[in-house]
Amino acid sequence: MSINWLRFVSPSLKKPPLFHLCHLPPPPPSSSAVIVAMSYDKELAAAKKAASLAARLCQKVQKALLQSDVQSKNDKSPVTVADYGSQALVSFVLQQEFPDNFSLVAEEDSKDLRKDGGQEIVERITKLVNDSLTIDGSYNVTLSTEDVLKAIDNGRSEGGSQGRHWVLDPIDGTKGFLRGDQYAIALALLDGGKVVLGVLACPNLPLTSLSDAGQHSPNNKVGCLFFAVVGGGTYMQPLDGSSAVKVQVSAVENPEEASFFESYEAAHSMHDLSSLIAQKLGVKAPPVRIDSQAKYGALSRGDGAIYLRLPHKGYREKIWDHAAGCIVVSEGAKCKRTPSTRASMKLGVWSQMLQGSHWIFQRESILIWTQASLSPTRS
């Protein structure tokens, strides 16, 4: 199967950018292209459990947030509590399941929580974490505040291209969380510098297509868990644990019929440039703007065909911003990884096409274009 990709050329800052739709031959077969989905069953079960527990904690905090007037006070403490609580839960579960081989590269640390005045928030986080563990019932333990802080700090691994490393964004889409919109708990596993497993918990994403329900389901049926293991496809199930179904990316091939996703916040992506690219591609539908890696989940089940993410100059992507979403979409497209940089994370680096400035990925009918230069380390 051939691959189409969009080439972006900017001869000078004074001239408009040029766009070329290029046609590439299919990648050659490679025995190393696919890691057989064999030894990740335990990891997948643990990842789904950790992400689901974190999602329920976040749902509880967001529900209380939306029922209060805290937003009018410009108080960001609810998302702070949920963010740290989510990371503490995921870290605790993974360390319990893999005590001898645990490495977590996560977004947060406890530095700010340990400052004067942070004790009240730490106690709130600790209570939420313990309540979540009690309801789950798998671990007969009550964590102290120090235990929770240590669990958060266990996410400070430097990662690397050797061995296995978990990658976590405890709440991707904090602004969406505060608005009551989309956010995601994004957890991935790297093995030898490659993403081999990904889980996206999207508590507010409708179970039906966004094209049918929009971002807010009229019948309140929301809460999706997407998961993928390399070589095994992508699946979606309700967060309540009901049966999973296999999903696939959009089959739309004509750009005029395609819908495209982009970041909700203009600060995260250049909407004007996205609009220009969509126009050049012939896309007629207006953009669907969604917070967080929930976009990747929606793409994996065919809600849209294009995702454009074009951060402003100086913005640096982190590995937790895309790792889980990458494999969820690529497996939804049944994409075989190759040793090239086009759609792999060999040595932890996503595509370096266009002098390393943009990541362009297309398999079957899915196109993702995002500025990225991601490493398996936090730096």
Protein backbone atom coordinates (compact mmCIF):
# COMPACT_ATOMS: atom_id res chain seq x y z
CA MET A 1 0.00 0.00 0.00
CA SER A 2 1.33 3.40 -0.93
CA ILE A 3 1.61 6.33 1.45
CA ASN A 4 0.64 9.93 0.81
CA TRP A 5 2.11 12.66 2.90
CA LEU A 6 1.96 16.40 2.95
CA ARG A 7 5.18 18.29 2.46
CA PHE A 8 5.42 21.79 3.88
CA VAL A 9 7.87 24.20 2.29
CA SER A 10 8.45 27.76 3.43
CA PRO A 11 10.99 29.46 1.13
CA SER A 12 10.97 32.64 3.18
CA LEU A 13 9.01 34.31 5.88
CA LYS A 14 7.73 36.90 3.37
CA LYS A 15 6.22 34.37 1.00
CA PRO A 16 3.23 32.14 1.69
CA PRO A 17 4.02 28.50 2.44
CA LEU A 18 3.80 25.95 -0.32
CA PHE A 19 2.23 22.55 0.00
CA HIS A 20 2.99 19.46 -2.06
CA LEU A 21 1.12 16.17 -1.83
CA CYS A 22 3.86 13.62 -2.29
CA HIS A 23 3.48 9.92 -3.12
CA LEU A 24 5.80 7.43 -1.47
CA PRO A 25 6.19 3.71 -2.14
CA PRO A 26 5.15 1.35 0.66
CA PRO A 27 7.86 0.62 3.23
CA PRO A 28 9.82 -2.59 2.66
CA PRO A 29 8.91 -5.58 4.83
CA SER A 30 11.09 -6.05 7.84
CA SER A 31 11.29 -8.82 10.39
CA SER A 32 11.84 -6.19 13.06
CA ALA A 33 8.91 -4.07 11.96
CA VAL A 34 6.47 -5.63 14.40
CA ILE A 35 7.07 -6.69 17.96
CA VAL A 36 4.86 -9.71 18.47
CA ALA A 37 2.17 -8.95 21.03
CA MET A 38 3.12 -11.73 23.42
CA SER A 39 4.73 -10.56 26.63
CA TYR A 40 2.65 -7.50 27.37
CA ASP A 41 -0.56 -9.07 28.69
CA LYS A 42 0.28 -8.35 32.32
CA GLU A 43 1.46 -4.84 31.46
CA LEU A 44 -1.74 -4.11 29.56
CA ALA A 45 -3.94 -5.33 32.40
CA ALA A 46 -2.02 -3.19 34.89
CA ALA A 47 -2.09 -0.14 32.63
CA LYS A 48 -5.84 -0.40 32.07
CA LYS A 49 -6.43 -0.79 35.77
CA ALA A 50 -4.18 2.14 36.71
CA ALA A 51 -5.67 4.47 34.10
CA SER A 52 -9.24 3.49 35.02
CA LEU A 53 -8.61 4.14 38.72
CA ALA A 54 -7.06 7.50 37.90
CA ALA A 55 -9.99 8.37 35.65
CA ARG A 56 -12.49 7.67 38.40
CA LEU A 57 -10.54 9.88 40.80
CA CYS A 58 -10.51 12.67 38.23
CA GLN A 59 -14.23 12.27 37.56
CA LYS A 60 -14.94 12.67 41.26
CA VAL A 61 -12.89 15.85 41.47
CA GLN A 62 -14.34 17.33 38.30
CA LYS A 63 -17.90 16.60 39.39
CA ALA A 64 -17.31 18.47 42.64
CA LEU A 65 -15.64 21.29 40.71
CA LEU A 66 -18.57 21.75 38.34
CA GLN A 67 -21.07 21.71 41.20
CA SER A 68 -19.27 24.51 43.01
CA ASP A 69 -18.49 28.13 42.21
CA VAL A 70 -14.75 27.51 42.34
CA GLN A 71 -14.29 28.47 38.69
CA SER A 72 -15.52 31.99 39.40
CA LYS A 73 -12.73 32.33 41.94
CA ASN A 74 -10.12 31.34 39.36
CA ASP A 75 -9.05 28.56 41.71
CA LYS A 76 -6.87 25.93 40.03
CA SER A 77 -6.57 23.70 43.09
CA PRO A 78 -9.11 21.08 41.85
CA VAL A 79 -7.07 20.25 38.77
CA THR A 80 -3.94 20.28 40.93
CA VAL A 81 -5.48 17.72 43.27
CA ALA A 82 -6.68 15.56 40.38
CA ASP A 83 -3.39 15.81 38.50
CA TYR A 84 -1.25 14.73 41.45
CA GLY A 85 -3.80 12.18 42.63
CA SER A 86 -3.90 10.60 39.19
CA GLN A 87 -0.11 10.33 39.05
CA ALA A 88 0.10 8.92 42.58
CA LEU A 89 -2.49 6.24 41.77
CA VAL A 90 -0.91 5.18 38.48
CA SER A 91 2.56 5.15 40.02
CA PHE A 92 1.39 3.10 43.02
CA VAL A 93 -0.44 0.49 40.92
CA LEU A 94 2.42 0.02 38.47
CA GLN A 95 4.99 -0.28 41.24
CA GLN A 96 2.83 -2.85 43.01
CA GLU A 97 2.50 -4.89 39.84
CA PHE A 98 6.14 -4.58 38.74
CA PRO A 99 8.24 -4.05 41.88
CA ASP A 100 11.45 -5.36 40.30
CA ASN A 101 11.24 -3.53 36.98
CA PHE A 102 9.56 -0.18 37.47
CA SER A 103 10.54 3.05 35.73
CA LEU A 104 8.08 5.91 35.21
CA VAL A 105 8.61 9.09 33.23
CA ALA A 106 5.76 11.36 34.31
CA GLU A 107 4.95 15.03 34.20
CA GLU A 108 4.69 15.93 37.87
CA ASP A 109 6.82 15.87 41.02
CA SER A 110 6.13 16.75 44.64
CA LYS A 111 8.36 19.81 44.88
CA ASP A 112 5.53 22.36 45.04
CA LEU A 113 3.46 20.16 47.33
CA ARG A 114 6.25 20.05 49.88
CA LYS A 115 6.39 23.83 50.16
CA ASP A 116 4.85 25.73 53.06
CA GLY A 117 1.09 25.85 52.62
CA GLY A 118 0.89 22.67 50.61
CA GLN A 119 -0.16 20.35 53.44
CA GLU A 120 -3.91 20.85 52.96
CA ILE A 121 -3.74 19.92 49.27
CA VAL A 122 -1.53 16.91 50.06
CA GLU A 123 -4.09 15.69 52.58
CA ARG A 124 -6.88 16.07 50.01
CA ILE A 125 -4.85 14.12 47.47
CA THR A 126 -4.07 11.39 50.00
CA LYS A 127 -7.72 10.97 50.93
CA LEU A 128 -8.77 10.71 47.28
CA VAL A 129 -6.05 8.17 46.54
CA ASN A 130 -6.96 6.02 49.56
CA ASP A 131 -10.68 6.23 48.76
CA SER A 132 -9.95 5.06 45.22
CA LEU A 133 -7.82 2.14 46.42
CA THR A 134 -10.45 1.13 48.97
CA ILE A 135 -13.23 1.08 46.38
CA ASP A 136 -11.06 -0.97 44.04
CA GLY A 137 -10.25 -3.46 46.78
CA SER A 138 -7.17 -4.96 45.12
CA TYR A 139 -4.66 -3.55 47.58
CA ASN A 140 -5.18 -3.81 51.32
CA VAL A 141 -3.26 -0.68 52.17
CA THR A 142 -3.72 2.84 53.51
CA LEU A 143 -1.15 5.31 52.24
CA SER A 144 0.27 8.11 54.35
CA THR A 145 0.84 11.58 52.92
CA GLU A 146 4.52 10.75 52.61
CA ASP A 147 3.68 7.53 50.75
CA VAL A 148 1.65 9.56 48.26
CA LEU A 149 4.41 12.12 47.80
CA LYS A 150 6.91 9.33 47.18
CA ALA A 151 4.57 7.71 44.66
CA ILE A 152 4.37 11.02 42.80
CA ASP A 153 8.16 11.36 42.83
CA ASN A 154 8.58 7.84 41.50
CA GLY A 155 7.62 9.38 38.19
CA ARG A 156 10.95 11.20 38.00
CA SER A 157 12.78 8.51 36.05
CA GLU A 158 14.99 9.85 33.29
CA GLY A 159 13.87 7.04 30.97
CA GLY A 160 16.16 6.11 28.09
CA SER A 161 16.36 3.96 24.98
CA GLN A 162 17.23 0.78 26.91
CA GLY A 163 14.86 -1.32 28.98
CA ARG A 164 11.23 -0.65 29.78
CA HIS A 165 9.87 2.71 30.85
CA TRP A 166 6.31 3.79 31.51
CA VAL A 167 5.31 7.26 30.28
CA LEU A 168 2.44 9.15 31.91
CA ASP A 169 0.50 12.35 31.51
CA PRO A 170 -1.76 12.19 34.59
CA ILE A 171 -4.18 14.77 33.19
CA ASP A 172 -3.63 15.77 29.60
CA GLY A 173 -5.86 18.76 28.95
CA THR A 174 -6.01 20.59 32.28
CA LYS A 175 -7.90 23.54 30.78
CA GLY A 176 -10.47 21.17 29.36
CA PHE A 177 -10.74 19.57 32.80
CA LEU A 178 -11.47 22.95 34.39
CA ARG A 179 -14.09 23.78 31.75
CA GLY A 180 -15.81 20.42 32.16
CA ASP A 181 -14.70 19.36 28.68
CA GLN A 182 -12.29 16.76 27.35
CA TYR A 183 -9.18 15.51 29.11
CA ALA A 184 -7.32 12.21 29.19
CA ILE A 185 -5.14 10.04 31.38
CA ALA A 186 -2.43 8.96 28.93
CA LEU A 187 -0.20 6.01 29.79
CA ALA A 188 2.27 4.27 27.50
CA LEU A 189 5.03 1.69 27.79
CA LEU A 190 8.36 2.02 25.98
CA ASP A 191 10.46 -1.07 25.42
CA GLY A 192 13.88 -0.47 23.93
CA GLY A 193 12.88 3.07 22.99
CA LYS A 194 9.72 2.03 21.13
CA VAL A 195 6.15 2.52 22.21
CA VAL A 196 4.71 -0.98 22.56
CA LEU A 197 1.58 -0.30 24.58
CA GLY A 198 -0.76 2.61 25.12
CA VAL A 199 -3.87 3.33 27.17
CA LEU A 200 -6.03 6.44 26.97
CA ALA A 201 -8.74 6.98 29.57
CA CYS A 202 -11.09 9.70 28.31
CA PRO A 203 -13.77 10.25 30.99
CA ASN A 204 -15.85 12.79 29.05
CA LEU A 205 -15.58 11.39 25.53
CA PRO A 206 -18.93 10.08 24.22
CA LEU A 207 -19.11 6.36 23.53
CA THR A 208 -20.57 7.16 20.12
CA SER A 209 -18.86 9.07 17.32
CA LEU A 210 -18.35 12.80 17.75
CA SER A 211 -19.99 13.26 14.37
CA ASP A 212 -23.17 11.83 15.92
CA ALA A 213 -23.08 13.20 19.45
CA GLY A 214 -20.66 16.10 19.40
CA GLN A 215 -18.36 16.49 22.39
CA HIS A 216 -21.25 16.29 24.84
CA SER A 217 -23.40 13.19 24.67
CA PRO A 218 -27.12 14.02 25.01
CA ASN A 219 -27.83 10.75 26.84
CA ASN A 220 -24.84 11.07 29.18
CA LYS A 221 -23.14 7.97 27.81
CA VAL A 222 -19.54 9.08 28.15
CA GLY A 223 -16.28 7.59 29.33
CA CYS A 224 -14.01 5.69 26.96
CA LEU A 225 -10.94 3.55 27.53
CA PHE A 226 -8.77 3.04 24.45
CA PHE A 227 -5.90 0.56 24.52
CA ALA A 228 -3.43 -0.90 22.07
CA VAL A 229 -0.49 -3.27 22.06
CA VAL A 230 1.92 -3.22 19.14
CA GLY A 231 0.80 -5.63 16.46
CA GLY A 232 -2.55 -6.25 18.13
CA GLY A 233 -4.82 -3.44 16.94
CA THR A 234 -6.72 -0.86 18.97
CA TYR A 235 -9.73 -1.48 21.20
CA MET A 236 -12.25 0.72 22.96
CA GLN A 237 -14.43 -0.08 25.93
CA PRO A 238 -16.56 1.95 28.34
CA LEU A 239 -14.76 3.06 31.48
CA ASP A 240 -17.25 1.02 33.47
CA GLY A 241 -15.49 -2.13 32.26
CA SER A 242 -18.01 -3.38 29.69
CA SER A 243 -16.87 -5.45 26.73
CA ALA A 244 -14.26 -3.98 24.40
CA VAL A 245 -14.67 -3.58 20.65
CA LYS A 246 -11.95 -3.31 18.04
CA VAL A 247 -11.83 0.07 16.33
CA GLN A 248 -10.30 1.36 13.11
CA VAL A 249 -9.43 4.72 11.68
CA SER A 250 -11.57 6.55 9.14
CA ALA A 251 -11.93 5.09 5.65
CA VAL A 252 -12.45 8.54 4.12
CA GLU A 253 -9.92 9.14 1.35
CA ASN A 254 -11.24 12.31 -0.27
CA PRO A 255 -10.05 15.37 1.70
CA GLU A 256 -13.24 17.19 0.74
CA GLU A 257 -15.17 14.65 2.79
CA ALA A 258 -12.73 14.56 5.70
CA SER A 259 -13.05 16.23 9.06
CA PHE A 260 -9.97 17.38 10.92
CA PHE A 261 -9.09 17.80 14.56
CA GLU A 262 -6.91 20.39 16.19
CA SER A 263 -6.19 21.62 19.70
CA TYR A 264 -8.95 23.54 21.43
CA GLU A 265 -6.58 26.15 22.80
CA ALA A 266 -5.07 28.54 20.26
CA ALA A 267 -2.04 28.78 22.54
CA HIS A 268 -1.30 25.10 21.83
CA SER A 269 -1.49 25.19 18.04
CA MET A 270 -1.54 27.76 15.24
CA HIS A 271 -5.16 27.69 14.14
CA ASP A 272 -4.55 30.09 11.26
CA LEU A 273 -1.90 27.81 9.74
CA SER A 274 -4.09 24.75 10.30
CA SER A 275 -6.88 26.52 8.44
CA LEU A 276 -4.56 27.28 5.55
CA ILE A 277 -3.39 23.68 5.33
CA ALA A 278 -6.97 22.42 5.43
CA GLN A 279 -7.88 24.83 2.67
CA LYS A 280 -4.99 23.65 0.50
CA LEU A 281 -6.02 20.04 1.10
CA GLY A 282 -9.57 20.84 0.04
CA VAL A 283 -11.13 20.11 3.42
CA LYS A 284 -14.59 21.67 3.57
CA ALA A 285 -15.69 20.83 7.09
CA PRO A 286 -14.83 23.25 9.91
CA PRO A 287 -12.23 22.05 12.43
CA VAL A 288 -13.25 19.98 15.42
CA ARG A 289 -11.36 21.44 18.37
CA ILE A 290 -10.78 19.10 21.28
CA ASP A 291 -8.58 19.25 24.34
CA SER A 292 -6.00 16.56 25.12
CA GLN A 293 -5.10 13.20 23.62
CA ALA A 294 -8.80 12.39 23.53
CA LYS A 295 -8.32 13.49 19.90
CA TYR A 296 -6.18 10.41 19.31
CA GLY A 297 -8.85 8.15 20.74
CA ALA A 298 -11.51 9.74 18.55
CA LEU A 299 -9.25 9.42 15.51
CA SER A 300 -8.58 5.75 16.21
CA ARG A 301 -12.27 4.91 15.91
CA GLY A 302 -12.80 6.99 12.77
CA ASP A 303 -14.44 10.14 14.14
CA GLY A 304 -12.08 12.23 12.01
CA ALA A 305 -9.43 11.70 9.35
CA ILE A 306 -6.87 14.47 9.96
CA TYR A 307 -5.16 15.88 13.03
CA LEU A 308 -3.11 19.05 12.74
CA ARG A 309 -1.01 20.23 15.66
CA LEU A 310 1.29 23.13 14.92
CA PRO A 311 2.71 24.61 18.12
CA HIS A 312 4.04 28.12 18.23
CA LYS A 313 7.74 28.78 17.92
CA GLY A 314 9.67 27.79 21.01
CA TYR A 315 7.11 25.30 22.30
CA ARG A 316 8.67 21.93 23.04
CA GLU A 317 6.63 18.77 23.00
CA LYS A 318 7.23 16.18 25.71
CA ILE A 319 7.06 12.45 25.25
CA TRP A 320 3.98 12.13 27.48
CA ASP A 321 2.13 14.53 25.12
CA HIS A 322 1.91 11.93 22.34
CA ALA A 323 3.26 8.48 23.29
CA ALA A 324 -0.02 6.79 24.25
CA GLY A 325 -1.98 8.51 21.51
CA CYS A 326 0.57 7.53 18.87
CA ILE A 327 0.17 3.80 19.31
CA VAL A 328 -3.59 4.00 19.77
CA VAL A 329 -3.90 5.63 16.35
CA SER A 330 -1.20 3.64 14.57
CA GLU A 331 -2.67 0.33 15.74
CA GLY A 332 -6.12 1.59 14.79
CA ALA A 333 -4.68 1.98 11.31
CA LYS A 334 -3.03 -1.45 11.56
CA CYS A 335 0.26 0.27 10.79
CA LYS A 336 3.42 -1.81 10.86
CA ARG A 337 6.35 -0.02 12.40
CA THR A 338 9.48 0.16 10.35
CA PRO A 339 13.06 1.00 11.31
CA SER A 340 12.66 4.34 9.50
CA THR A 341 11.75 7.51 11.39
CA ARG A 342 8.54 8.00 9.43
CA ALA A 343 6.19 6.45 11.96
CA SER A 344 8.26 4.82 14.63
CA MET A 345 9.84 5.70 17.92
CA LYS A 346 13.11 3.95 17.24
CA LEU A 347 15.45 5.16 19.96
CA GLY A 348 12.54 7.23 21.17
CA VAL A 349 12.55 9.79 18.37
CA TRP A 350 9.48 10.43 16.30
CA SER A 351 9.83 11.39 12.69
CA GLN A 352 12.46 13.91 11.79
CA MET A 353 11.15 14.65 8.34
CA LEU A 354 11.40 18.28 7.25
CA GLN A 355 14.69 18.81 9.09
CA GLY A 356 13.28 17.41 12.31
CA SER A 357 10.63 20.09 12.67
CA HIS A 358 7.44 18.20 11.98
CA TRP A 359 6.05 14.75 12.48
CA ILE A 360 3.95 13.57 9.57
CA PHE A 361 2.20 10.24 9.86
CA GLN A 362 -0.22 8.61 7.49
CA ARG A 363 -1.39 5.04 7.23
CA GLU A 364 -4.47 4.04 5.31
CA SER A 365 -6.60 7.20 5.48
CA ILE A 366 -5.30 8.85 8.62
CA LEU A 367 -3.07 11.89 8.53
CA ILE A 368 -1.42 13.39 11.56
CA TRP A 369 0.86 16.36 11.31
CA THR A 370 2.41 17.72 14.43
CA GLN A 371 5.59 19.49 15.37
CA ALA A 372 7.54 16.99 17.41
CA SER A 373 11.06 15.96 18.31
CA LEU A 374 10.47 13.53 21.11
CA SER A 375 13.00 11.62 23.14
CA PRO A 376 12.49 8.68 25.54
CA THR A 377 13.91 10.92 28.27
CA ARG A 378 12.21 13.82 30.03
CA SER A 379 14.70 16.35 28.65
